[in-house]
Amino acid sequence: MIAKIKGEARRQMIVEGYVNNEPLKDIAAKIGCSLASLKASASNLGCTRTPKEAAAFRRGFHVPEHKRDDYYQLMIAGKYRAHECALILGLLGSGSRSPQ
């Protein structure tokens, strides 16, 4: 196992890993710490994603503010999946693949 890295080098590696969208397990292995320690350090450094950014990253598309209420209405009351809501609201191009 790699020796623990401390101080400024550790902070720099965490920030670079988050910026480059590296898997958290890989970043933790590089600096020799647990995932929980890595997440706590990243939170203290302020380099984690906001909940809205994280949701957009997982969905693969951005929901504009003026369509956000319609999107959530379809998701909750209409019980559509995210991809289906995006197609209904015109957030995805016609060349996108089907969800199945």
Protein backbone atom coordinates (compact mmCIF):
# COMPACT_ATOMS: atom_id res chain seq x y z
CA MET A 1 0.00 0.00 0.00
CA ILE A 2 1.16 3.51 -0.74
CA ALA A 3 2.25 5.56 2.26
CA LYS A 4 -0.17 8.22 3.42
CA ILE A 5 0.29 11.58 1.80
CA LYS A 6 -0.29 14.60 4.02
CA GLY A 7 -0.50 18.34 3.75
CA GLU A 8 -0.58 20.39 0.59
CA ALA A 9 0.23 17.44 -1.71
CA ARG A 10 -2.84 15.58 -0.41
CA ARG A 11 -5.10 18.60 -0.94
CA GLN A 12 -3.76 19.11 -4.45
CA MET A 13 -4.33 15.47 -5.40
CA ILE A 14 -7.91 15.58 -4.10
CA VAL A 15 -8.74 18.75 -6.02
CA GLU A 16 -7.14 17.44 -9.23
CA GLY A 17 -8.99 14.13 -8.90
CA TYR A 18 -12.36 15.81 -8.48
CA VAL A 19 -11.70 18.21 -11.35
CA ASN A 20 -10.73 15.32 -13.66
CA ASN A 21 -13.81 13.26 -12.57
CA GLU A 22 -11.64 10.37 -11.41
CA PRO A 23 -13.37 7.59 -9.45
CA LEU A 24 -13.24 8.28 -5.73
CA LYS A 25 -11.71 4.85 -5.03
CA ASP A 26 -8.77 5.71 -7.28
CA ILE A 27 -8.19 9.05 -5.57
CA ALA A 28 -8.36 7.40 -2.13
CA ALA A 29 -5.87 4.73 -3.22
CA LYS A 30 -3.44 7.38 -4.50
CA ILE A 31 -3.37 9.28 -1.22
CA GLY A 32 -3.68 6.21 1.02
CA CYS A 33 -6.91 6.92 2.88
CA SER A 34 -10.46 5.63 3.16
CA LEU A 35 -13.38 6.83 1.04
CA ALA A 36 -14.98 8.47 4.06
CA SER A 37 -11.79 10.41 4.80
CA LEU A 38 -11.51 11.46 1.16
CA LYS A 39 -15.12 12.69 1.06
CA ALA A 40 -14.67 14.63 4.30
CA SER A 41 -11.46 16.24 3.03
CA ALA A 42 -13.08 17.13 -0.30
CA SER A 43 -16.03 18.66 1.50
CA ASN A 44 -13.70 20.78 3.64
CA LEU A 45 -11.85 21.90 0.51
CA GLY A 46 -15.15 22.77 -1.18
CA CYS A 47 -14.47 20.80 -4.33
CA THR A 48 -17.53 18.52 -4.25
CA ARG A 49 -20.49 19.00 -6.58
CA THR A 50 -23.66 20.73 -5.47
CA PRO A 51 -26.75 18.49 -5.36
CA LYS A 52 -28.06 20.09 -8.58
CA GLU A 53 -24.75 19.55 -10.39
CA ALA A 54 -24.58 15.95 -9.17
CA ALA A 55 -28.12 15.24 -10.39
CA ALA A 56 -27.40 16.79 -13.80
CA PHE A 57 -24.20 14.72 -14.02
CA ARG A 58 -26.11 11.50 -13.30
CA ARG A 59 -28.95 12.36 -15.71
CA GLY A 60 -26.62 13.34 -18.52
CA PHE A 61 -28.55 16.51 -19.41
CA HIS A 62 -29.38 19.88 -17.85
CA VAL A 63 -32.93 20.95 -16.97
CA PRO A 64 -33.37 24.73 -17.51
CA GLU A 65 -35.01 26.77 -14.75
CA HIS A 66 -38.10 27.59 -16.82
CA LYS A 67 -38.80 23.86 -17.38
CA ARG A 68 -37.81 22.62 -13.93
CA ASP A 69 -41.36 22.66 -12.47
CA ASP A 70 -42.74 20.78 -15.49
CA TYR A 71 -39.91 18.26 -15.27
CA TYR A 72 -40.54 17.48 -11.60
CA GLN A 73 -44.32 17.36 -12.17
CA LEU A 74 -43.80 14.70 -14.85
CA MET A 75 -41.34 12.80 -12.63
CA ILE A 76 -43.54 12.77 -9.53
CA ALA A 77 -47.18 12.88 -10.66
CA GLY A 78 -46.69 11.39 -14.13
CA LYS A 79 -44.27 8.72 -12.88
CA TYR A 80 -42.08 9.06 -15.97
CA ARG A 81 -38.38 8.28 -15.95
CA ALA A 82 -35.83 11.07 -16.37
CA HIS A 83 -35.12 10.20 -20.01
CA GLU A 84 -38.83 10.11 -20.87
CA CYS A 85 -39.38 13.51 -19.21
CA ALA A 86 -36.50 14.95 -21.20
CA LEU A 87 -38.00 13.67 -24.45
CA ILE A 88 -41.44 15.08 -23.61
CA LEU A 89 -40.00 18.49 -22.72
CA GLY A 90 -37.65 18.54 -25.71
CA LEU A 91 -34.44 18.57 -23.67
CA LEU A 92 -32.82 15.80 -25.70
CA GLY A 93 -32.16 15.88 -29.42
CA SER A 94 -33.93 13.56 -31.80
CA GLY A 95 -30.75 11.51 -32.25
CA SER A 96 -30.66 10.27 -28.66
CA ARG A 97 -30.98 6.59 -28.02
CA SER A 98 -34.04 5.00 -26.41
CA PRO A 99 -33.97 4.23 -22.65
CA GLN A 100 -34.47 0.49 -23.19
